[in-house]
Amino acid sequence: MVRGLIWLAGALALAGLFLLALSGICGNPGSFPALSRYFCNRPLPAPLRPAPPGEPAAPSR
């Protein structure tokens, strides 16, 4: 019985760590773009590109 409770607590702890890891991946999609595309349901931000010569740079956010 005790062994089963320890196993259950360990499985719940691993599930919690997995959810925290997914939260981190979805919070910062630039670090793991392939995982973010697979697990997160929002589009990735567009990559930043320098402005072409002769055009003003885009304002920073």
PDB file of N, CA and C in Angstrom:
ATOM      1  N   MET A   1       0.829  -1.193   0.000  1.00  0.00           N
ATOM      2  CA  MET A   1       0.000   0.000   0.000  1.00  0.00           C
ATOM      3  C   MET A   1       0.874   1.259   0.000  1.00  0.00           C
ATOM      4  N   VAL A   2       1.893   1.265   0.859  1.00  0.00           N
ATOM      5  CA  VAL A   2       2.774   2.435   0.933  1.00  0.00           C
ATOM      6  C   VAL A   2       3.520   2.605  -0.377  1.00  0.00           C
ATOM      7  N   ARG A   3       3.938   1.489  -0.976  1.00  0.00           N
ATOM      8  CA  ARG A   3       4.662   1.564  -2.243  1.00  0.00           C
ATOM      9  C   ARG A   3       3.768   2.173  -3.329  1.00  0.00           C
ATOM     10  N   GLY A   4       2.496   1.844  -3.338  1.00  0.00           N
ATOM     11  CA  GLY A   4       1.565   2.405  -4.306  1.00  0.00           C
ATOM     12  C   GLY A   4       1.365   3.898  -4.118  1.00  0.00           C
ATOM     13  N   LEU A   5       1.303   4.344  -2.870  1.00  0.00           N
ATOM     14  CA  LEU A   5       1.161   5.780  -2.601  1.00  0.00           C
ATOM     15  C   LEU A   5       2.407   6.546  -3.023  1.00  0.00           C
ATOM     16  N   ILE A   6       3.567   5.961  -2.791  1.00  0.00           N
ATOM     17  CA  ILE A   6       4.819   6.610  -3.218  1.00  0.00           C
ATOM     18  C   ILE A   6       4.867   6.685  -4.738  1.00  0.00           C
ATOM     19  N   TRP A   7       4.462   5.607  -5.402  1.00  0.00           N
ATOM     20  CA  TRP A   7       4.433   5.598  -6.868  1.00  0.00           C
ATOM     21  C   TRP A   7       3.472   6.664  -7.383  1.00  0.00           C
ATOM     22  N   LEU A   8       2.295   6.769  -6.772  1.00  0.00           N
ATOM     23  CA  LEU A   8       1.306   7.761  -7.192  1.00  0.00           C
ATOM     24  C   LEU A   8       1.830   9.177  -6.986  1.00  0.00           C
ATOM     25  N   ALA A   9       2.455   9.436  -5.856  1.00  0.00           N
ATOM     26  CA  ALA A   9       3.013  10.774  -5.596  1.00  0.00           C
ATOM     27  C   ALA A   9       4.107  11.105  -6.608  1.00  0.00           C
ATOM     28  N   GLY A  10       4.942  10.142  -6.941  1.00  0.00           N
ATOM     29  CA  GLY A  10       5.989  10.367  -7.935  1.00  0.00           C
ATOM     30  C   GLY A  10       5.420  10.645  -9.318  1.00  0.00           C
ATOM     31  N   ALA A  11       4.388   9.901  -9.697  1.00  0.00           N
ATOM     32  CA  ALA A  11       3.760  10.118 -11.001  1.00  0.00           C
ATOM     33  C   ALA A  11       3.111  11.503 -11.063  1.00  0.00           C
ATOM     34  N   LEU A  12       2.469  11.918  -9.990  1.00  0.00           N
ATOM     35  CA  LEU A  12       1.869  13.263  -9.966  1.00  0.00           C
ATOM     36  C   LEU A  12       2.937  14.347 -10.008  1.00  0.00           C
ATOM     37  N   ALA A  13       4.049  14.127  -9.341  1.00  0.00           N
ATOM     38  CA  ALA A  13       5.144  15.100  -9.366  1.00  0.00           C
ATOM     39  C   ALA A  13       5.728  15.212 -10.777  1.00  0.00           C
ATOM     40  N   LEU A  14       5.920  14.092 -11.453  1.00  0.00           N
ATOM     41  CA  LEU A  14       6.434  14.134 -12.822  1.00  0.00           C
ATOM     42  C   LEU A  14       5.453  14.827 -13.766  1.00  0.00           C
ATOM     43  N   ALA A  15       4.168  14.582 -13.588  1.00  0.00           N
ATOM     44  CA  ALA A  15       3.168  15.249 -14.418  1.00  0.00           C
ATOM     45  C   ALA A  15       3.193  16.765 -14.180  1.00  0.00           C
ATOM     46  N   GLY A  16       3.350  17.163 -12.929  1.00  0.00           N
ATOM     47  CA  GLY A  16       3.437  18.589 -12.618  1.00  0.00           C
ATOM     48  C   GLY A  16       4.665  19.230 -13.242  1.00  0.00           C
ATOM     49  N   LEU A  17       5.798  18.541 -13.187  1.00  0.00           N
ATOM     50  CA  LEU A  17       7.010  19.069 -13.817  1.00  0.00           C
ATOM     51  C   LEU A  17       6.856  19.168 -15.327  1.00  0.00           C
ATOM     52  N   PHE A  18       6.194  18.190 -15.927  1.00  0.00           N
ATOM     53  CA  PHE A  18       5.947  18.218 -17.359  1.00  0.00           C
ATOM     54  C   PHE A  18       5.078  19.422 -17.735  1.00  0.00           C
ATOM     55  N   LEU A  19       4.032  19.695 -16.954  1.00  0.00           N
ATOM     56  CA  LEU A  19       3.178  20.850 -17.235  1.00  0.00           C
ATOM     57  C   LEU A  19       3.923  22.166 -17.050  1.00  0.00           C
ATOM     58  N   LEU A  20       4.794  22.242 -16.051  1.00  0.00           N
ATOM     59  CA  LEU A  20       5.600  23.449 -15.871  1.00  0.00           C
ATOM     60  C   LEU A  20       6.557  23.653 -17.041  1.00  0.00           C
ATOM     61  N   ALA A  21       7.137  22.562 -17.535  1.00  0.00           N
ATOM     62  CA  ALA A  21       8.031  22.666 -18.686  1.00  0.00           C
ATOM     63  C   ALA A  21       7.274  23.146 -19.916  1.00  0.00           C
ATOM     64  N   LEU A  22       6.066  22.625 -20.145  1.00  0.00           N
ATOM     65  CA  LEU A  22       5.267  23.082 -21.279  1.00  0.00           C
ATOM     66  C   LEU A  22       4.881  24.546 -21.128  1.00  0.00           C
ATOM     67  N   SER A  23       4.603  24.964 -19.922  1.00  0.00           N
ATOM     68  CA  SER A  23       4.281  26.365 -19.681  1.00  0.00           C
ATOM     69  C   SER A  23       5.467  27.250 -20.040  1.00  0.00           C
ATOM     70  N   GLY A  24       6.662  26.811 -19.700  1.00  0.00           N
ATOM     71  CA  GLY A  24       7.858  27.577 -20.047  1.00  0.00           C
ATOM     72  C   GLY A  24       8.097  27.616 -21.539  1.00  0.00           C
ATOM     73  N   ILE A  25       7.832  26.508 -22.220  1.00  0.00           N
ATOM     74  CA  ILE A  25       8.020  26.460 -23.669  1.00  0.00           C
ATOM     75  C   ILE A  25       7.021  27.384 -24.356  1.00  0.00           C
ATOM     76  N   CYS A  26       5.788  27.402 -23.891  1.00  0.00           N
ATOM     77  CA  CYS A  26       4.777  28.265 -24.502  1.00  0.00           C
ATOM     78  C   CYS A  26       4.999  29.733 -24.132  1.00  0.00           C
ATOM     79  N   GLY A  27       5.606  29.979 -22.987  1.00  0.00           N
ATOM     80  CA  GLY A  27       5.863  31.357 -22.575  1.00  0.00           C
ATOM     81  C   GLY A  27       6.990  32.001 -23.351  1.00  0.00           C
ATOM     82  N   ASN A  28       7.970  31.208 -23.795  1.00  0.00           N
ATOM     83  CA  ASN A  28       9.104  31.719 -24.552  1.00  0.00           C
ATOM     84  C   ASN A  28       9.272  30.851 -25.789  1.00  0.00           C
ATOM     85  N   PRO A  29       8.472  31.081 -26.837  1.00  0.00           N
ATOM     86  CA  PRO A  29       8.483  30.185 -27.987  1.00  0.00           C
ATOM     87  C   PRO A  29       9.764  30.245 -28.807  1.00  0.00           C
ATOM     88  N   GLY A  30      10.575  31.267 -28.625  1.00  0.00           N
ATOM     89  CA  GLY A  30      11.802  31.372 -29.407  1.00  0.00           C
ATOM     90  C   GLY A  30      12.870  30.376 -29.011  1.00  0.00           C
ATOM     91  N   SER A  31      12.806  29.851 -27.792  1.00  0.00           N
ATOM     92  CA  SER A  31      13.862  28.948 -27.351  1.00  0.00           C
ATOM     93  C   SER A  31      13.747  27.565 -27.975  1.00  0.00           C
ATOM     94  N   PHE A  32      12.533  27.051 -28.155  1.00  0.00           N
ATOM     95  CA  PHE A  32      12.303  25.751 -28.782  1.00  0.00           C
ATOM     96  C   PHE A  32      11.163  25.893 -29.788  1.00  0.00           C
ATOM     97  N   PRO A  33      11.428  26.440 -30.982  1.00  0.00           N
ATOM     98  CA  PRO A  33      10.321  26.730 -31.909  1.00  0.00           C
ATOM     99  C   PRO A  33       9.560  25.489 -32.367  1.00  0.00           C
ATOM    100  N   ALA A  34      10.231  24.366 -32.564  1.00  0.00           N
ATOM    101  CA  ALA A  34       9.524  23.175 -33.029  1.00  0.00           C
ATOM    102  C   ALA A  34       8.559  22.663 -31.955  1.00  0.00           C
ATOM    103  N   LEU A  35       9.008  22.650 -30.703  1.00  0.00           N
ATOM    104  CA  LEU A  35       8.132  22.214 -29.617  1.00  0.00           C
ATOM    105  C   LEU A  35       6.986  23.187 -29.409  1.00  0.00           C
ATOM    106  N   SER A  36       7.269  24.478 -29.561  1.00  0.00           N
ATOM    107  CA  SER A  36       6.212  25.478 -29.400  1.00  0.00           C
ATOM    108  C   SER A  36       5.149  25.306 -30.462  1.00  0.00           C
ATOM    109  N   ARG A  37       5.570  25.030 -31.705  1.00  0.00           N
ATOM    110  CA  ARG A  37       4.601  24.821 -32.772  1.00  0.00           C
ATOM    111  C   ARG A  37       3.731  23.598 -32.492  1.00  0.00           C
ATOM    112  N   TYR A  38       4.313  22.579 -31.902  1.00  0.00           N
ATOM    113  CA  TYR A  38       3.582  21.332 -31.673  1.00  0.00           C
ATOM    114  C   TYR A  38       2.645  21.422 -30.470  1.00  0.00           C
ATOM    115  N   PHE A  39       3.130  21.994 -29.351  1.00  0.00           N
ATOM    116  CA  PHE A  39       2.368  21.966 -28.104  1.00  0.00           C
ATOM    117  C   PHE A  39       1.515  23.205 -27.866  1.00  0.00           C
ATOM    118  N   CYS A  40       1.891  24.341 -28.381  1.00  0.00           N
ATOM    119  CA  CYS A  40       1.182  25.593 -28.076  1.00  0.00           C
ATOM    120  C   CYS A  40       0.221  25.916 -29.209  1.00  0.00           C
ATOM    121  N   ASN A  41      -0.923  26.465 -28.876  1.00  0.00           N
ATOM    122  CA  ASN A  41      -1.944  26.728 -29.888  1.00  0.00           C
ATOM    123  C   ASN A  41      -1.945  28.167 -30.367  1.00  0.00           C
ATOM    124  N   ARG A  42      -0.825  28.841 -30.290  1.00  0.00           N
ATOM    125  CA  ARG A  42      -0.762  30.200 -30.805  1.00  0.00           C
ATOM    126  C   ARG A  42       0.376  30.284 -31.821  1.00  0.00           C
ATOM    127  N   PRO A  43       0.281  31.186 -32.787  1.00  0.00           N
ATOM    128  CA  PRO A  43       1.328  31.279 -33.806  1.00  0.00           C
ATOM    129  C   PRO A  43       2.622  31.836 -33.217  1.00  0.00           C
ATOM    130  N   LEU A  44       3.710  31.452 -33.806  1.00  0.00           N
ATOM    131  CA  LEU A  44       5.006  31.958 -33.377  1.00  0.00           C
ATOM    132  C   LEU A  44       5.174  33.400 -33.842  1.00  0.00           C
ATOM    133  N   PRO A  45       5.937  34.208 -33.116  1.00  0.00           N
ATOM    134  CA  PRO A  45       6.174  35.579 -33.570  1.00  0.00           C
ATOM    135  C   PRO A  45       7.032  35.569 -34.834  1.00  0.00           C
ATOM    136  N   ALA A  46       6.810  36.563 -35.669  1.00  0.00           N
ATOM    137  CA  ALA A  46       7.592  36.670 -36.904  1.00  0.00           C
ATOM    138  C   ALA A  46       9.038  37.019 -36.548  1.00  0.00           C
ATOM    139  N   PRO A  47       9.997  36.449 -37.257  1.00  0.00           N
ATOM    140  CA  PRO A  47      11.394  36.772 -36.971  1.00  0.00           C
ATOM    141  C   PRO A  47      11.685  38.231 -37.303  1.00  0.00           C
ATOM    142  N   LEU A  48      12.536  38.847 -36.528  1.00  0.00           N
ATOM    143  CA  LEU A  48      12.894  40.246 -36.753  1.00  0.00           C
ATOM    144  C   LEU A  48      13.893  40.331 -37.893  1.00  0.00           C
ATOM    145  N   ARG A  49      13.621  41.224 -38.837  1.00  0.00           N
ATOM    146  CA  ARG A  49      14.522  41.433 -39.963  1.00  0.00           C
ATOM    147  C   ARG A  49      14.882  42.915 -40.011  1.00  0.00           C
ATOM    148  N   PRO A  50      16.098  43.217 -40.403  1.00  0.00           N
ATOM    149  CA  PRO A  50      16.454  44.642 -40.515  1.00  0.00           C
ATOM    150  C   PRO A  50      15.677  45.297 -41.662  1.00  0.00           C
ATOM    151  N   ALA A  51      15.461  46.589 -41.525  1.00  0.00           N
ATOM    152  CA  ALA A  51      14.740  47.334 -42.556  1.00  0.00           C
ATOM    153  C   ALA A  51      15.610  47.434 -43.806  1.00  0.00           C
ATOM    154  N   PRO A  52      14.994  47.380 -44.993  1.00  0.00           N
ATOM    155  CA  PRO A  52      15.768  47.549 -46.223  1.00  0.00           C
ATOM    156  C   PRO A  52      16.361  48.951 -46.283  1.00  0.00           C
ATOM    157  N   PRO A  53      17.436  49.114 -47.017  1.00  0.00           N
ATOM    158  CA  PRO A  53      18.055  50.457 -47.115  1.00  0.00           C
ATOM    159  C   PRO A  53      17.058  51.476 -47.667  1.00  0.00           C
ATOM    160  N   GLY A  54      17.052  52.639 -47.073  1.00  0.00           N
ATOM    161  CA  GLY A  54      16.170  53.710 -47.519  1.00  0.00           C
ATOM    162  C   GLY A  54      14.838  53.748 -46.798  1.00  0.00           C
ATOM    163  N   GLU A  55      14.505  52.719 -46.000  1.00  0.00           N
ATOM    164  CA  GLU A  55      13.246  52.719 -45.256  1.00  0.00           C
ATOM    165  C   GLU A  55      13.551  52.898 -43.781  1.00  0.00           C
ATOM    166  N   PRO A  56      12.645  53.605 -43.066  1.00  0.00           N
ATOM    167  CA  PRO A  56      12.897  53.771 -41.624  1.00  0.00           C
ATOM    168  C   PRO A  56      12.717  52.440 -40.889  1.00  0.00           C
ATOM    169  N   ALA A  57      13.438  52.305 -39.821  1.00  0.00           N
ATOM    170  CA  ALA A  57      13.345  51.081 -39.021  1.00  0.00           C
ATOM    171  C   ALA A  57      11.999  51.044 -38.308  1.00  0.00           C
ATOM    172  N   ALA A  58      11.509  49.846 -38.049  1.00  0.00           N
ATOM    173  CA  ALA A  58      10.242  49.686 -37.337  1.00  0.00           C
ATOM    174  C   ALA A  58      10.411  50.111 -35.884  1.00  0.00           C
ATOM    175  N   PRO A  59       9.409  50.759 -35.302  1.00  0.00           N
ATOM    176  CA  PRO A  59       9.539  51.179 -33.900  1.00  0.00           C
ATOM    177  C   PRO A  59       9.595  49.968 -32.983  1.00  0.00           C
ATOM    178  N   SER A  60      10.367  50.098 -31.933  1.00  0.00           N
ATOM    179  CA  SER A  60      10.457  48.996 -30.960  1.00  0.00           C
ATOM    180  C   SER A  60       9.234  49.018 -30.061  1.00  0.00           C
ATOM    181  N   ARG A  61       8.884  47.850 -29.555  1.00  0.00           N
ATOM    182  CA  ARG A  61       7.694  47.749 -28.678  1.00  0.00           C
ATOM    183  C   ARG A  61       8.041  48.084 -27.280  1.00  0.00           C
TER     184      ARG A  61
END
